Amino acid sequence: MGQAEQTRVLRVDAERNRDALLCAARAVFAERGTNAPLEEIARRAKVGIATLYRRFPTREELLAAAFEPKLCAYAAASRAACAEPDPWEGFCGFVRTVCRMQAGDAGFADVVALTFPATAGLDDRLRRATAGLDDVIRRAKAAGALRPDFVREDLIVLLMANAGVINATYPHAPRAWERFAAYMLDAFRAPGASPLPKPVSRARLSLAGRRQAQEPGAD
């Protein structure tokens, strides 16, 4: 076998290993969340842990690659919400879609609730995925359907809480999140029954999520 052929075979093997690792990572993260053992991912991909680290030197790089399709779906949900003729139905549909995605994937539940370590790559993907969210909120407010004091951070708190509901009720009541989300949507609807306390700032909310991800017991 010539050098060119050997190089081609090595590249094919490397790509095969990468695909196997991403497939295994998506399955394991979906089952166990973003702190799942990397050794389990390597085992399911049928490669050594050293191979995993060669392809993805950090957990965060693996997370960014593994959740790229889900983050694209997140972005698509906001576009669909903006295309909905009824702004309130668009907002509600977006919230239900993202909550449903959380219910089906423990890792994604962590990612969209910000309960994972910060990295430039993953944060950039999140920013792109949520770029249309402000338009969803703006449309619903302009229609007089979403209470005027609603802020983007309220949705993050909802997703954090929904992740907790899902973790507490799975697998015995896997659809409990639906009632919780319905209650929250009712609370978000204009005009709002009573004034709300000052919202948590985006920076403090992000710090809270990072702290939870890094508490003792997290990998």
Protein backbone atom coordinates (compact mmCIF):
# COMPACT_ATOMS: atom_id res chain seq x y z
CA MET A 1 0.00 0.00 0.00
CA GLY A 2 1.40 3.38 -1.05
CA GLN A 3 1.68 6.40 1.21
CA ALA A 4 -1.24 8.16 -0.47
CA GLU A 5 -3.45 5.11 0.01
CA GLN A 6 -2.38 4.78 3.65
CA THR A 7 -3.23 8.44 4.23
CA ARG A 8 -6.65 7.95 2.67
CA VAL A 9 -7.36 4.91 4.86
CA LEU A 10 -6.29 6.80 7.99
CA ARG A 11 -8.59 9.68 7.08
CA VAL A 12 -11.50 7.32 6.50
CA ASP A 13 -10.85 5.63 9.85
CA ALA A 14 -10.61 8.99 11.60
CA GLU A 15 -13.90 10.15 10.10
CA ARG A 16 -15.56 6.87 11.00
CA ASN A 17 -14.36 7.21 14.60
CA ARG A 18 -15.63 10.80 14.75
CA ASP A 19 -19.06 9.79 13.47
CA ALA A 20 -19.22 6.87 15.93
CA LEU A 21 -18.25 9.15 18.83
CA LEU A 22 -20.88 11.75 17.92
CA CYS A 23 -23.56 9.10 17.58
CA ALA A 24 -22.63 7.60 20.95
CA ALA A 25 -22.35 11.04 22.59
CA ARG A 26 -25.83 12.04 21.47
CA ALA A 27 -27.29 8.83 22.88
CA VAL A 28 -25.42 9.00 26.19
CA PHE A 29 -25.98 12.73 26.73
CA ALA A 30 -29.67 12.25 25.95
CA GLU A 31 -29.91 9.57 28.63
CA ARG A 32 -27.67 11.04 31.33
CA GLY A 33 -27.22 14.75 30.63
CA THR A 34 -24.11 16.73 29.81
CA ASN A 35 -22.12 15.35 32.78
CA ALA A 36 -22.33 11.76 31.50
CA PRO A 37 -19.04 9.81 31.74
CA LEU A 38 -16.90 10.22 28.63
CA GLU A 39 -15.67 6.65 29.13
CA GLU A 40 -19.20 5.40 28.46
CA ILE A 41 -19.29 7.37 25.22
CA ALA A 42 -15.99 5.87 24.11
CA ARG A 43 -17.19 2.39 25.07
CA ARG A 44 -20.38 2.70 23.02
CA ALA A 45 -18.44 4.10 20.08
CA LYS A 46 -16.11 1.09 20.38
CA VAL A 47 -12.99 3.22 20.57
CA GLY A 48 -10.48 3.93 23.32
CA ILE A 49 -10.77 6.99 25.53
CA ALA A 50 -7.52 8.28 24.00
CA THR A 51 -9.21 8.29 20.59
CA LEU A 52 -12.08 10.33 22.02
CA TYR A 53 -9.66 12.92 23.41
CA ARG A 54 -7.76 13.10 20.13
CA ARG A 55 -10.96 13.95 18.28
CA PHE A 56 -12.47 16.09 21.03
CA PRO A 57 -9.85 17.36 23.52
CA THR A 58 -12.49 18.74 25.91
CA ARG A 59 -16.01 17.80 26.95
CA GLU A 60 -17.20 21.18 25.72
CA GLU A 61 -15.90 20.57 22.19
CA LEU A 62 -17.74 17.26 22.15
CA LEU A 63 -20.92 18.92 23.41
CA ALA A 64 -20.72 21.62 20.75
CA ALA A 65 -20.39 19.06 17.96
CA ALA A 66 -22.93 16.62 19.38
CA PHE A 67 -25.67 19.20 19.85
CA GLU A 68 -25.22 21.05 16.57
CA PRO A 69 -28.31 19.36 14.99
CA LYS A 70 -30.48 20.09 18.04
CA LEU A 71 -29.39 23.72 18.10
CA CYS A 72 -30.27 23.98 14.40
CA ALA A 73 -33.72 22.61 15.29
CA TYR A 74 -33.97 25.21 18.06
CA ALA A 75 -33.26 27.96 15.52
CA ALA A 76 -35.81 26.46 13.13
CA ALA A 77 -38.43 26.56 15.91
CA SER A 78 -37.97 30.31 16.34
CA ARG A 79 -38.24 30.85 12.58
CA ALA A 80 -41.44 28.80 12.51
CA ALA A 81 -42.81 30.87 15.40
CA CYS A 82 -42.16 34.10 13.52
CA ALA A 83 -43.85 32.66 10.41
CA GLU A 84 -47.01 31.79 12.37
CA PRO A 85 -49.76 34.31 11.48
CA ASP A 86 -50.95 34.46 15.10
CA PRO A 87 -48.03 35.82 17.18
CA TRP A 88 -49.35 34.31 20.42
CA GLU A 89 -49.74 30.88 18.85
CA GLY A 90 -46.25 31.28 17.46
CA PHE A 91 -44.87 32.06 20.91
CA CYS A 92 -46.74 29.17 22.54
CA GLY A 93 -45.71 26.78 19.80
CA PHE A 94 -42.07 27.74 20.26
CA VAL A 95 -42.20 27.22 24.03
CA ARG A 96 -43.92 23.83 23.69
CA THR A 97 -41.47 22.73 21.01
CA VAL A 98 -38.39 23.55 23.07
CA CYS A 99 -39.88 22.01 26.23
CA ARG A 100 -40.68 18.87 24.24
CA MET A 101 -37.11 18.76 22.95
CA GLN A 102 -35.91 18.98 26.54
CA ALA A 103 -38.19 16.11 27.54
CA GLY A 104 -36.66 13.87 24.90
CA ASP A 105 -33.02 14.67 25.60
CA ALA A 106 -31.53 15.24 29.06
CA GLY A 107 -28.38 16.71 27.55
CA PHE A 108 -30.29 19.22 25.46
CA ALA A 109 -32.31 20.11 28.56
CA ASP A 110 -29.00 21.08 30.21
CA VAL A 111 -27.73 23.00 27.20
CA VAL A 112 -30.74 25.26 26.64
CA ALA A 113 -31.09 25.85 30.38
CA LEU A 114 -27.44 27.00 30.45
CA THR A 115 -26.44 24.32 32.95
CA PHE A 116 -23.12 23.50 31.31
CA PRO A 117 -19.62 25.01 31.44
CA ALA A 118 -19.14 28.10 29.26
CA THR A 119 -17.03 27.81 26.11
CA ALA A 120 -16.67 30.14 23.16
CA GLY A 121 -17.67 27.46 20.64
CA LEU A 122 -20.82 26.30 22.38
CA ASP A 123 -21.83 29.81 23.40
CA ASP A 124 -21.48 30.93 19.78
CA ARG A 125 -23.73 28.09 18.63
CA LEU A 126 -26.30 29.02 21.28
CA ARG A 127 -26.26 32.65 20.23
CA ARG A 128 -26.90 31.67 16.63
CA ALA A 129 -29.63 29.22 17.64
CA THR A 130 -31.46 31.82 19.74
CA ALA A 131 -30.95 34.75 17.37
CA GLY A 132 -34.64 34.77 16.39
CA LEU A 133 -36.01 34.51 19.93
CA ASP A 134 -36.25 38.26 20.48
CA ASP A 135 -38.43 38.54 17.37
CA VAL A 136 -40.77 35.84 18.70
CA ILE A 137 -41.16 37.77 21.95
CA ARG A 138 -41.48 41.14 20.22
CA ARG A 139 -44.27 39.94 17.92
CA ALA A 140 -46.28 38.45 20.77
CA LYS A 141 -45.96 41.65 22.80
CA ALA A 142 -46.86 43.86 19.82
CA ALA A 143 -50.03 41.80 19.36
CA GLY A 144 -50.98 42.50 22.97
CA ALA A 145 -50.91 38.77 23.76
CA LEU A 146 -47.70 38.46 25.81
CA ARG A 147 -47.54 40.40 29.05
CA PRO A 148 -45.38 43.51 28.55
CA ASP A 149 -43.06 42.78 31.48
CA PHE A 150 -41.96 39.42 30.02
CA VAL A 151 -38.23 39.31 29.29
CA ARG A 152 -36.02 36.80 27.51
CA GLU A 153 -34.56 35.66 30.83
CA ASP A 154 -38.02 34.51 31.93
CA LEU A 155 -37.86 31.87 29.22
CA ILE A 156 -34.46 30.69 30.48
CA VAL A 157 -35.90 30.33 33.99
CA LEU A 158 -38.81 28.37 32.51
CA LEU A 159 -36.39 26.02 30.73
CA MET A 160 -34.36 25.56 33.93
CA ALA A 161 -37.54 24.71 35.82
CA ASN A 162 -38.77 22.44 33.05
CA ALA A 163 -35.47 20.54 33.12
CA GLY A 164 -36.05 20.00 36.84
CA VAL A 165 -39.60 18.76 36.25
CA ILE A 166 -38.36 16.35 33.59
CA ASN A 167 -35.53 15.02 35.78
CA ALA A 168 -37.89 14.51 38.72
CA THR A 169 -40.72 12.81 36.82
CA TYR A 170 -38.88 10.67 34.28
CA PRO A 171 -39.53 7.80 33.63
CA HIS A 172 -42.74 7.40 35.65
CA ALA A 173 -44.54 10.52 34.42
CA PRO A 174 -42.70 11.55 31.24
CA ARG A 175 -45.45 13.96 30.15
CA ALA A 176 -45.70 15.92 33.39
CA TRP A 177 -43.84 18.79 31.72
CA GLU A 178 -46.84 19.44 29.45
CA ARG A 179 -49.04 20.63 32.31
CA PHE A 180 -46.23 22.67 33.79
CA ALA A 181 -45.58 24.39 30.45
CA ALA A 182 -49.32 25.08 30.05
CA TYR A 183 -49.43 26.73 33.48
CA MET A 184 -46.46 28.91 32.59
CA LEU A 185 -47.91 29.95 29.24
CA ASP A 186 -51.08 30.98 31.02
CA ALA A 187 -48.99 33.08 33.43
CA PHE A 188 -47.14 34.72 30.53
CA ARG A 189 -50.29 35.81 28.76
CA ALA A 190 -51.25 39.49 28.83
CA PRO A 191 -52.24 41.46 30.74
CA GLY A 192 -50.77 39.55 33.68
CA ALA A 193 -52.55 39.17 37.00
CA SER A 194 -50.09 41.10 39.16
CA PRO A 195 -46.76 42.95 38.99
CA LEU A 196 -43.65 40.80 39.00
CA PRO A 197 -40.42 41.20 40.96
CA LYS A 198 -37.45 42.56 39.04
CA PRO A 199 -36.15 39.92 36.59
CA VAL A 200 -32.81 38.23 37.11
CA SER A 201 -30.13 39.75 34.89
CA ARG A 202 -28.81 37.69 32.01
CA ALA A 203 -25.29 37.70 33.49
CA ARG A 204 -26.42 36.45 36.92
CA LEU A 205 -28.66 33.81 35.35
CA SER A 206 -25.76 32.54 33.29
CA LEU A 207 -23.52 32.39 36.37
CA ALA A 208 -26.19 30.44 38.25
CA GLY A 209 -26.38 27.86 35.51
CA ARG A 210 -22.60 27.50 35.27
CA ARG A 211 -22.34 27.09 39.05
CA GLN A 212 -24.92 24.29 39.03
CA ALA A 213 -22.99 22.50 36.32
CA GLN A 214 -19.73 22.71 38.27
CA GLU A 215 -20.96 21.72 41.75
CA PRO A 216 -19.36 18.67 43.43
CA GLY A 217 -20.35 15.51 41.67
CA ALA A 218 -20.27 17.10 38.22
CA ASP A 219 -17.66 15.63 35.93
